[in-house]
Amino acid sequence: MNFKIVLVSGVIALASAGCMTPMASAPPALTVVSTAEFVPMATSSNLFEIESSRLALRRARSPEIRRFAQQMIRDHNRATRRMMAVARRAGLPLPRPTLTARHQQMLASLTAAPSFDAAYVDAQLMAHQESVGLFSAYSRTGDNAPLVEFARATLPVLEMHLNEVQALSGVSVARAM
């Protein structure tokens, strides 16, 4: 396994182990990301967004959270299809749709959360902070031009999602009071 992937995954896991709250610090900013790192990380990120949001459609009580979950499923399915098409055209091996160990743990924690709505918002906040960092770094330092363009085109959508989940975090906190 690529040492950089292990190192970046370890740093991210340590930075957020056990803390899925809005006050949790964002994972460290990625400075250089290769295609070999970007594709599996982006694939796992999209899959986490889709699977956690499917869970939200079943368990969330808040209509705002359910609407956000529907948007996440739609947008991240679209991003996955686009990334696969770009990778195919670039002649890259297509990644298997799998979650990283960290995303598996986040999904398991979300599944077991007694206060689902708050846990979902916290998980989305952390996941979108990670995604924005990943796509931002790859759009600046990526080594595959078609994927760099994909990252640049996708980044504004991820930033919009981050803004929406930050606003949603305020709504869910206000309702809890």
N, C-alpha and C. Protein backbone atom coordinates (compact mmCIF):
# COMPACT_ATOMS: atom_id res chain seq x y z
N MET A 1 0.85 -1.18 0.00
CA MET A 1 0.00 0.00 0.00
C MET A 1 0.89 1.24 0.00
N ASN A 2 0.48 2.24 -0.70
CA ASN A 2 1.23 3.48 -0.80
C ASN A 2 1.39 4.10 0.57
N PHE A 3 2.63 4.44 0.94
CA PHE A 3 2.92 4.99 2.26
C PHE A 3 2.18 6.30 2.49
N LYS A 4 2.06 7.15 1.45
CA LYS A 4 1.35 8.42 1.60
C LYS A 4 -0.11 8.19 1.98
N ILE A 5 -0.73 7.21 1.34
CA ILE A 5 -2.14 6.93 1.64
C ILE A 5 -2.28 6.50 3.10
N VAL A 6 -1.40 5.63 3.54
CA VAL A 6 -1.44 5.17 4.93
C VAL A 6 -1.21 6.34 5.87
N LEU A 7 -0.24 7.18 5.56
CA LEU A 7 0.07 8.32 6.41
C LEU A 7 -1.09 9.30 6.47
N VAL A 8 -1.64 9.68 5.32
CA VAL A 8 -2.75 10.62 5.29
C VAL A 8 -3.97 10.04 5.99
N SER A 9 -4.26 8.77 5.74
CA SER A 9 -5.40 8.12 6.40
C SER A 9 -5.21 8.08 7.91
N GLY A 10 -4.00 7.78 8.34
CA GLY A 10 -3.72 7.73 9.77
C GLY A 10 -3.88 9.08 10.43
N VAL A 11 -3.37 10.12 9.79
CA VAL A 11 -3.49 11.46 10.34
C VAL A 11 -4.95 11.87 10.43
N ILE A 12 -5.70 11.60 9.38
CA ILE A 12 -7.13 11.95 9.40
C ILE A 12 -7.85 11.17 10.49
N ALA A 13 -7.56 9.88 10.60
CA ALA A 13 -8.23 9.05 11.61
C ALA A 13 -7.89 9.52 13.01
N LEU A 14 -6.63 9.83 13.26
CA LEU A 14 -6.24 10.32 14.58
C LEU A 14 -6.84 11.67 14.90
N ALA A 15 -6.94 12.51 13.88
CA ALA A 15 -7.46 13.85 14.10
C ALA A 15 -8.93 13.83 14.49
N SER A 16 -9.64 12.81 14.05
CA SER A 16 -11.07 12.81 14.30
C SER A 16 -11.58 11.58 15.04
N ALA A 17 -10.70 10.76 15.55
CA ALA A 17 -11.12 9.53 16.22
C ALA A 17 -12.06 9.85 17.37
N GLY A 18 -13.23 9.27 17.28
CA GLY A 18 -14.18 9.39 18.38
C GLY A 18 -14.84 10.74 18.50
N CYS A 19 -14.56 11.68 17.62
CA CYS A 19 -15.19 12.98 17.79
C CYS A 19 -15.94 13.35 16.53
N MET A 20 -17.25 13.17 16.58
CA MET A 20 -18.11 13.54 15.47
C MET A 20 -19.08 14.60 15.96
N THR A 21 -18.55 15.73 16.37
CA THR A 21 -19.37 16.83 16.83
C THR A 21 -19.08 18.04 15.97
N PRO A 22 -20.00 19.02 15.94
CA PRO A 22 -19.74 20.19 15.14
C PRO A 22 -18.48 20.94 15.59
N MET A 23 -18.08 20.77 16.82
CA MET A 23 -16.92 21.47 17.33
C MET A 23 -15.63 20.72 17.04
N ALA A 24 -15.73 19.53 16.48
CA ALA A 24 -14.52 18.75 16.18
C ALA A 24 -13.68 19.50 15.17
N SER A 25 -12.38 19.41 15.34
CA SER A 25 -11.51 20.11 14.41
C SER A 25 -11.51 19.40 13.08
N ALA A 26 -11.35 20.20 12.04
CA ALA A 26 -11.29 19.64 10.69
C ALA A 26 -10.00 18.86 10.54
N PRO A 27 -10.01 17.86 9.67
CA PRO A 27 -8.78 17.12 9.42
C PRO A 27 -7.73 18.05 8.83
N PRO A 28 -6.47 17.69 8.95
CA PRO A 28 -5.43 18.55 8.43
C PRO A 28 -5.57 18.74 6.92
N ALA A 29 -5.23 19.92 6.46
CA ALA A 29 -5.32 20.21 5.04
C ALA A 29 -4.31 19.36 4.27
N LEU A 30 -4.77 18.81 3.16
CA LEU A 30 -3.88 18.03 2.31
C LEU A 30 -3.17 19.00 1.38
N THR A 31 -1.88 18.82 1.20
CA THR A 31 -1.14 19.74 0.36
C THR A 31 -0.86 19.17 -1.02
N VAL A 32 -0.53 17.90 -1.12
CA VAL A 32 -0.26 17.26 -2.40
C VAL A 32 -1.02 15.94 -2.43
N VAL A 33 -1.78 15.76 -3.48
CA VAL A 33 -2.57 14.54 -3.63
C VAL A 33 -2.34 13.99 -5.03
N SER A 34 -1.95 12.72 -5.11
CA SER A 34 -1.75 12.07 -6.40
C SER A 34 -3.06 11.41 -6.84
N THR A 35 -3.10 11.01 -8.09
CA THR A 35 -4.27 10.31 -8.61
C THR A 35 -4.50 9.01 -7.84
N ALA A 36 -3.41 8.31 -7.51
CA ALA A 36 -3.51 7.05 -6.77
C ALA A 36 -4.15 7.26 -5.40
N GLU A 37 -4.02 8.44 -4.84
CA GLU A 37 -4.65 8.75 -3.55
C GLU A 37 -6.05 9.31 -3.75
N PHE A 38 -6.19 10.18 -4.72
CA PHE A 38 -7.44 10.90 -4.92
C PHE A 38 -8.60 9.97 -5.27
N VAL A 39 -8.41 9.10 -6.24
CA VAL A 39 -9.52 8.28 -6.73
C VAL A 39 -10.15 7.42 -5.63
N PRO A 40 -9.37 6.63 -4.87
CA PRO A 40 -10.03 5.83 -3.84
C PRO A 40 -10.62 6.66 -2.70
N MET A 41 -9.95 7.78 -2.37
CA MET A 41 -10.49 8.63 -1.30
C MET A 41 -11.79 9.30 -1.74
N ALA A 42 -11.83 9.80 -2.98
CA ALA A 42 -13.04 10.43 -3.50
C ALA A 42 -14.16 9.41 -3.65
N THR A 43 -13.82 8.20 -4.08
CA THR A 43 -14.81 7.13 -4.22
C THR A 43 -15.43 6.80 -2.87
N SER A 44 -14.59 6.64 -1.85
CA SER A 44 -15.09 6.33 -0.51
C SER A 44 -15.93 7.48 0.04
N SER A 45 -15.48 8.70 -0.18
CA SER A 45 -16.22 9.86 0.29
C SER A 45 -17.61 9.91 -0.32
N ASN A 46 -17.70 9.74 -1.64
CA ASN A 46 -19.00 9.74 -2.31
C ASN A 46 -19.88 8.62 -1.77
N LEU A 47 -19.31 7.44 -1.62
CA LEU A 47 -20.08 6.30 -1.14
C LEU A 47 -20.58 6.54 0.29
N PHE A 48 -19.73 7.13 1.14
CA PHE A 48 -20.16 7.45 2.50
C PHE A 48 -21.34 8.42 2.48
N GLU A 49 -21.24 9.45 1.65
CA GLU A 49 -22.33 10.43 1.56
C GLU A 49 -23.63 9.76 1.14
N ILE A 50 -23.54 8.87 0.18
CA ILE A 50 -24.74 8.18 -0.33
C ILE A 50 -25.32 7.25 0.73
N GLU A 51 -24.48 6.40 1.31
CA GLU A 51 -24.97 5.41 2.28
C GLU A 51 -25.48 6.07 3.56
N SER A 52 -24.78 7.07 4.07
CA SER A 52 -25.23 7.74 5.29
C SER A 52 -26.54 8.50 5.02
N SER A 53 -26.69 9.02 3.82
CA SER A 53 -27.91 9.75 3.49
C SER A 53 -29.09 8.81 3.25
N ARG A 54 -28.82 7.63 2.73
CA ARG A 54 -29.90 6.62 2.63
C ARG A 54 -30.39 6.26 4.03
N LEU A 55 -29.45 6.13 4.94
CA LEU A 55 -29.80 5.86 6.33
C LEU A 55 -30.63 7.02 6.90
N ALA A 56 -30.26 8.24 6.55
CA ALA A 56 -31.00 9.41 7.03
C ALA A 56 -32.43 9.42 6.52
N LEU A 57 -32.63 8.96 5.30
CA LEU A 57 -34.00 8.92 4.78
C LEU A 57 -34.87 7.96 5.59
N ARG A 58 -34.26 6.95 6.17
CA ARG A 58 -35.01 6.00 6.99
C ARG A 58 -35.16 6.46 8.44
N ARG A 59 -34.14 7.18 8.97
CA ARG A 59 -34.12 7.44 10.41
C ARG A 59 -34.30 8.90 10.83
N ALA A 60 -34.04 9.84 9.95
CA ALA A 60 -34.11 11.25 10.35
C ALA A 60 -35.54 11.67 10.64
N ARG A 61 -35.67 12.53 11.62
CA ARG A 61 -36.99 13.05 11.98
C ARG A 61 -37.23 14.43 11.35
N SER A 62 -36.17 15.19 11.20
CA SER A 62 -36.28 16.55 10.69
C SER A 62 -36.52 16.55 9.17
N PRO A 63 -37.53 17.28 8.72
CA PRO A 63 -37.76 17.39 7.27
C PRO A 63 -36.58 18.06 6.55
N GLU A 64 -35.92 19.01 7.22
CA GLU A 64 -34.76 19.67 6.60
C GLU A 64 -33.63 18.68 6.38
N ILE A 65 -33.42 17.81 7.34
CA ILE A 65 -32.36 16.81 7.22
C ILE A 65 -32.72 15.80 6.13
N ARG A 66 -33.97 15.42 6.05
CA ARG A 66 -34.39 14.48 5.01
C ARG A 66 -34.21 15.10 3.62
N ARG A 67 -34.54 16.38 3.46
CA ARG A 67 -34.33 17.07 2.17
C ARG A 67 -32.83 17.12 1.84
N PHE A 68 -32.02 17.44 2.83
CA PHE A 68 -30.57 17.49 2.62
C PHE A 68 -30.06 16.11 2.20
N ALA A 69 -30.54 15.06 2.86
CA ALA A 69 -30.12 13.69 2.54
C ALA A 69 -30.48 13.34 1.10
N GLN A 70 -31.67 13.72 0.65
CA GLN A 70 -32.05 13.46 -0.74
C GLN A 70 -31.10 14.17 -1.71
N GLN A 71 -30.75 15.41 -1.38
CA GLN A 71 -29.82 16.16 -2.22
C GLN A 71 -28.45 15.48 -2.24
N MET A 72 -27.99 14.97 -1.08
CA MET A 72 -26.68 14.31 -1.02
C MET A 72 -26.66 13.06 -1.89
N ILE A 73 -27.73 12.29 -1.84
CA ILE A 73 -27.81 11.07 -2.66
C ILE A 73 -27.75 11.44 -4.14
N ARG A 74 -28.54 12.41 -4.53
CA ARG A 74 -28.59 12.83 -5.94
C ARG A 74 -27.23 13.38 -6.39
N ASP A 75 -26.67 14.32 -5.64
CA ASP A 75 -25.44 14.98 -6.05
C ASP A 75 -24.23 14.04 -6.01
N HIS A 76 -24.15 13.19 -5.00
CA HIS A 76 -22.98 12.31 -4.89
C HIS A 76 -23.07 11.12 -5.85
N ASN A 77 -24.27 10.67 -6.19
CA ASN A 77 -24.40 9.67 -7.26
C ASN A 77 -23.93 10.29 -8.59
N ARG A 78 -24.33 11.53 -8.83
CA ARG A 78 -23.92 12.23 -10.05
C ARG A 78 -22.39 12.38 -10.08
N ALA A 79 -21.79 12.78 -8.96
CA ALA A 79 -20.33 12.94 -8.90
C ALA A 79 -19.62 11.61 -9.14
N THR A 80 -20.17 10.54 -8.59
CA THR A 80 -19.57 9.22 -8.79
C THR A 80 -19.61 8.83 -10.26
N ARG A 81 -20.76 9.02 -10.90
CA ARG A 81 -20.86 8.69 -12.33
C ARG A 81 -19.89 9.52 -13.16
N ARG A 82 -19.78 10.80 -12.86
CA ARG A 82 -18.87 11.66 -13.61
C ARG A 82 -17.42 11.25 -13.41
N MET A 83 -17.05 10.95 -12.16
CA MET A 83 -15.67 10.56 -11.90
C MET A 83 -15.34 9.25 -12.61
N MET A 84 -16.24 8.31 -12.60
CA MET A 84 -16.01 7.03 -13.29
C MET A 84 -15.86 7.25 -14.80
N ALA A 85 -16.67 8.12 -15.36
CA ALA A 85 -16.57 8.40 -16.80
C ALA A 85 -15.24 9.05 -17.13
N VAL A 86 -14.81 9.99 -16.30
CA VAL A 86 -13.51 10.64 -16.52
C VAL A 86 -12.38 9.64 -16.38
N ALA A 87 -12.44 8.81 -15.36
CA ALA A 87 -11.39 7.80 -15.15
C ALA A 87 -11.35 6.82 -16.33
N ARG A 88 -12.50 6.41 -16.79
CA ARG A 88 -12.57 5.48 -17.93
C ARG A 88 -11.94 6.12 -19.17
N ARG A 89 -12.33 7.38 -19.47
CA ARG A 89 -11.77 8.08 -20.64
C ARG A 89 -10.26 8.30 -20.50
N ALA A 90 -9.78 8.46 -19.27
CA ALA A 90 -8.35 8.68 -19.04
C ALA A 90 -7.57 7.36 -19.02
N GLY A 91 -8.28 6.24 -19.15
CA GLY A 91 -7.62 4.94 -19.17
C GLY A 91 -7.16 4.45 -17.81
N LEU A 92 -7.75 5.02 -16.76
CA LEU A 92 -7.39 4.61 -15.40
C LEU A 92 -8.21 3.39 -14.99
N PRO A 93 -7.66 2.55 -14.13
CA PRO A 93 -8.47 1.45 -13.61
C PRO A 93 -9.61 2.01 -12.77
N LEU A 94 -10.79 1.47 -12.94
CA LEU A 94 -11.95 1.95 -12.18
C LEU A 94 -11.90 1.39 -10.77
N PRO A 95 -12.06 2.26 -9.78
CA PRO A 95 -12.01 1.79 -8.40
C PRO A 95 -13.26 1.00 -8.03
N ARG A 96 -13.08 0.05 -7.14
CA ARG A 96 -14.25 -0.64 -6.59
C ARG A 96 -14.93 0.31 -5.62
N PRO A 97 -16.24 0.36 -5.63
CA PRO A 97 -16.93 1.25 -4.69
C PRO A 97 -16.88 0.69 -3.27
N THR A 98 -15.85 1.08 -2.54
CA THR A 98 -15.68 0.61 -1.16
C THR A 98 -15.42 1.80 -0.24
N LEU A 99 -15.81 1.61 1.01
CA LEU A 99 -15.54 2.61 2.04
C LEU A 99 -14.17 2.36 2.66
N THR A 100 -13.47 3.43 2.97
CA THR A 100 -12.24 3.30 3.74
C THR A 100 -12.62 2.83 5.14
N ALA A 101 -11.64 2.37 5.90
CA ALA A 101 -11.92 1.94 7.28
C ALA A 101 -12.51 3.09 8.08
N ARG A 102 -12.01 4.28 7.86
CA ARG A 102 -12.53 5.45 8.59
C ARG A 102 -13.99 5.71 8.25
N HIS A 103 -14.34 5.65 6.96
CA HIS A 103 -15.73 5.86 6.57
C HIS A 103 -16.62 4.72 7.07
N GLN A 104 -16.11 3.50 7.10
CA GLN A 104 -16.87 2.38 7.67
C GLN A 104 -17.18 2.65 9.14
N GLN A 105 -16.18 3.12 9.87
CA GLN A 105 -16.36 3.42 11.30
C GLN A 105 -17.38 4.55 11.49
N MET A 106 -17.29 5.59 10.65
CA MET A 106 -18.23 6.70 10.74
C MET A 106 -19.65 6.23 10.47
N LEU A 107 -19.82 5.36 9.49
CA LEU A 107 -21.16 4.84 9.16
C LEU A 107 -21.68 3.96 10.30
N ALA A 108 -20.81 3.14 10.87
CA ALA A 108 -21.22 2.30 12.00
C ALA A 108 -21.63 3.15 13.19
N SER A 109 -20.88 4.20 13.47
CA SER A 109 -21.23 5.11 14.58
C SER A 109 -22.56 5.79 14.32
N LEU A 110 -22.78 6.18 13.10
CA LEU A 110 -24.04 6.83 12.74
C LEU A 110 -25.21 5.86 12.88
N THR A 111 -25.01 4.63 12.45
CA THR A 111 -26.06 3.62 12.55
C THR A 111 -26.47 3.39 14.00
N ALA A 112 -25.50 3.44 14.90
CA ALA A 112 -25.76 3.16 16.31
C ALA A 112 -26.14 4.40 17.12
N ALA A 113 -26.13 5.57 16.51
CA ALA A 113 -26.35 6.82 17.24
C ALA A 113 -27.76 6.90 17.80
N PRO A 114 -27.90 7.18 19.10
CA PRO A 114 -29.23 7.31 19.69
C PRO A 114 -29.95 8.59 19.23
N SER A 115 -29.20 9.65 18.99
CA SER A 115 -29.76 10.90 18.50
C SER A 115 -29.33 11.06 17.05
N PHE A 116 -30.07 10.41 16.15
CA PHE A 116 -29.62 10.27 14.78
C PHE A 116 -29.45 11.60 14.06
N ASP A 117 -30.42 12.49 14.16
CA ASP A 117 -30.35 13.72 13.38
C ASP A 117 -29.08 14.51 13.67
N ALA A 118 -28.76 14.68 14.94
CA ALA A 118 -27.54 15.41 15.30
C ALA A 118 -26.29 14.67 14.85
N ALA A 119 -26.29 13.35 14.98
CA ALA A 119 -25.13 12.57 14.56
C ALA A 119 -24.94 12.64 13.05
N TYR A 120 -26.03 12.62 12.30
CA TYR A 120 -25.95 12.72 10.84
C TYR A 120 -25.36 14.07 10.43
N VAL A 121 -25.86 15.14 11.02
CA VAL A 121 -25.34 16.47 10.69
C VAL A 121 -23.86 16.55 11.03
N ASP A 122 -23.47 16.03 12.18
CA ASP A 122 -22.05 16.04 12.57
C ASP A 122 -21.20 15.26 11.57
N ALA A 123 -21.69 14.10 11.15
CA ALA A 123 -20.94 13.26 10.21
C ALA A 123 -20.84 13.96 8.85
N GLN A 124 -21.92 14.61 8.42
CA GLN A 124 -21.89 15.34 7.15
C GLN A 124 -20.94 16.52 7.21
N LEU A 125 -20.92 17.20 8.34
CA LEU A 125 -20.00 18.32 8.51
C LEU A 125 -18.55 17.85 8.36
N MET A 126 -18.19 16.79 9.07
CA MET A 126 -16.83 16.26 9.01
C MET A 126 -16.51 15.74 7.60
N ALA A 127 -17.44 15.01 7.01
CA ALA A 127 -17.21 14.43 5.68
C ALA A 127 -17.03 15.52 4.63
N HIS A 128 -17.80 16.59 4.71
CA HIS A 128 -17.67 17.65 3.71
C HIS A 128 -16.43 18.50 3.94
N GLN A 129 -16.00 18.65 5.18
CA GLN A 129 -14.72 19.33 5.41
C GLN A 129 -13.59 18.53 4.76
N GLU A 130 -13.64 17.22 4.94
CA GLU A 130 -12.63 16.35 4.32
C GLU A 130 -12.68 16.43 2.80
N SER A 131 -13.88 16.34 2.23
CA SER A 131 -14.03 16.35 0.78
C SER A 131 -13.55 17.65 0.16
N VAL A 132 -13.91 18.77 0.78
CA VAL A 132 -13.47 20.06 0.26
C VAL A 132 -11.94 20.12 0.30
N GLY A 133 -11.33 19.64 1.38
CA GLY A 133 -9.87 19.62 1.46
C GLY A 133 -9.25 18.73 0.39
N LEU A 134 -9.81 17.54 0.20
CA LEU A 134 -9.30 16.60 -0.79
C LEU A 134 -9.42 17.15 -2.20
N PHE A 135 -10.60 17.62 -2.58
CA PHE A 135 -10.82 18.11 -3.93
C PHE A 135 -10.05 19.40 -4.18
N SER A 136 -9.93 20.23 -3.18
CA SER A 136 -9.14 21.46 -3.31
C SER A 136 -7.68 21.14 -3.56
N ALA A 137 -7.13 20.22 -2.77
CA ALA A 137 -5.72 19.84 -2.93
C ALA A 137 -5.48 19.21 -4.30
N TYR A 138 -6.37 18.30 -4.70
CA TYR A 138 -6.16 17.63 -5.99
C TYR A 138 -6.32 18.61 -7.15
N SER A 139 -7.23 19.55 -7.03
CA SER A 139 -7.41 20.51 -8.12
C SER A 139 -6.18 21.40 -8.29
N ARG A 140 -5.38 21.55 -7.23
CA ARG A 140 -4.14 22.34 -7.30
C ARG A 140 -2.93 21.49 -7.67
N THR A 141 -2.88 20.23 -7.21
CA THR A 141 -1.65 19.45 -7.33
C THR A 141 -1.81 18.13 -8.07
N GLY A 142 -3.01 17.86 -8.57
CA GLY A 142 -3.27 16.58 -9.22
C GLY A 142 -2.37 16.33 -10.42
N ASP A 143 -2.16 15.06 -10.70
CA ASP A 143 -1.24 14.67 -11.78
C ASP A 143 -1.95 14.05 -12.98
N ASN A 144 -3.28 14.23 -13.06
CA ASN A 144 -4.04 13.72 -14.20
C ASN A 144 -5.00 14.83 -14.63
N ALA A 145 -4.73 15.44 -15.76
CA ALA A 145 -5.47 16.63 -16.19
C ALA A 145 -7.00 16.45 -16.22
N PRO A 146 -7.52 15.35 -16.79
CA PRO A 146 -8.98 15.21 -16.78
C PRO A 146 -9.56 15.11 -15.36
N LEU A 147 -8.86 14.43 -14.46
CA LEU A 147 -9.35 14.34 -13.08
C LEU A 147 -9.20 15.67 -12.34
N VAL A 148 -8.15 16.43 -12.66
CA VAL A 148 -7.99 17.76 -12.07
C VAL A 148 -9.18 18.63 -12.47
N GLU A 149 -9.57 18.57 -13.73
CA GLU A 149 -10.72 19.34 -14.19
C GLU A 149 -12.00 18.86 -13.50
N PHE A 150 -12.16 17.56 -13.33
CA PHE A 150 -13.31 17.03 -12.59
C PHE A 150 -13.31 17.57 -11.17
N ALA A 151 -12.16 17.56 -10.50
CA ALA A 151 -12.07 18.06 -9.12
C ALA A 151 -12.43 19.54 -9.07
N ARG A 152 -11.93 20.32 -10.02
CA ARG A 152 -12.24 21.75 -10.06
C ARG A 152 -13.73 22.00 -10.28
N ALA A 153 -14.34 21.21 -11.14
CA ALA A 153 -15.76 21.37 -11.44
C ALA A 153 -16.64 20.92 -10.27
N THR A 154 -16.17 19.94 -9.51
CA THR A 154 -16.95 19.39 -8.40
C THR A 154 -16.79 20.19 -7.12
N LEU A 155 -15.67 20.84 -6.94
CA LEU A 155 -15.38 21.56 -5.70
C LEU A 155 -16.46 22.58 -5.32
N PRO A 156 -16.98 23.40 -6.23
CA PRO A 156 -18.02 24.35 -5.81
C PRO A 156 -19.27 23.66 -5.25
N VAL A 157 -19.62 22.50 -5.77
CA VAL A 157 -20.78 21.77 -5.26
C VAL A 157 -20.49 21.29 -3.83
N LEU A 158 -19.29 20.79 -3.60
CA LEU A 158 -18.92 20.34 -2.26
C LEU A 158 -18.88 21.51 -1.28
N GLU A 159 -18.40 22.64 -1.72
CA GLU A 159 -18.39 23.83 -0.86
C GLU A 159 -19.81 24.27 -0.53
N MET A 160 -20.71 24.17 -1.52
CA MET A 160 -22.11 24.49 -1.27
C MET A 160 -22.70 23.52 -0.24
N HIS A 161 -22.38 22.22 -0.39
CA HIS A 161 -22.86 21.24 0.59
C HIS A 161 -22.34 21.58 1.98
N LEU A 162 -21.08 21.94 2.08
CA LEU A 162 -20.50 22.30 3.38
C LEU A 162 -21.24 23.49 3.98
N ASN A 163 -21.52 24.50 3.19
CA ASN A 163 -22.27 25.66 3.68
C ASN A 163 -23.67 25.24 4.14
N GLU A 164 -24.31 24.37 3.37
CA GLU A 164 -25.66 23.92 3.73
C GLU A 164 -25.66 23.12 5.02
N VAL A 165 -24.68 22.24 5.19
CA VAL A 165 -24.66 21.43 6.41
C VAL A 165 -24.28 22.30 7.61
N GLN A 166 -23.47 23.33 7.40
CA GLN A 166 -23.18 24.25 8.50
C GLN A 166 -24.44 24.98 8.93
N ALA A 167 -25.24 25.41 7.97
CA ALA A 167 -26.52 26.05 8.28
C ALA A 167 -27.46 25.06 8.95
N LEU A 168 -27.48 23.84 8.46
CA LEU A 168 -28.33 22.79 9.03
C LEU A 168 -27.91 22.50 10.46
N SER A 169 -26.64 22.57 10.73
CA SER A 169 -26.12 22.36 12.08
C SER A 169 -26.71 23.40 13.03
N GLY A 170 -26.80 24.63 12.58
CA GLY A 170 -27.40 25.67 13.40
C GLY A 170 -28.87 25.44 13.64
N VAL A 171 -29.57 24.94 12.63
CA VAL A 171 -31.00 24.64 12.76
C VAL A 171 -31.22 23.50 13.73
N SER A 172 -30.42 22.43 13.60
CA SER A 172 -30.63 21.28 14.48
C SER A 172 -30.24 21.60 15.91
N VAL A 173 -29.22 22.46 16.11
CA VAL A 173 -28.84 22.87 17.46
C VAL A 173 -29.94 23.73 18.07
N ALA A 174 -30.50 24.66 17.29
CA ALA A 174 -31.55 25.52 17.80
C ALA A 174 -32.77 24.72 18.22
N ARG A 175 -33.11 23.69 17.46
CA ARG A 175 -34.28 22.86 17.81
C ARG A 175 -34.03 22.05 19.06
N ALA A 176 -32.77 21.69 19.32
CA ALA A 176 -32.46 20.86 20.49
C ALA A 176 -32.57 21.67 21.78
N MET A 177 -32.53 22.99 21.69
CA MET A 177 -32.54 23.84 22.89
C MET A 177 -33.93 24.02 23.44
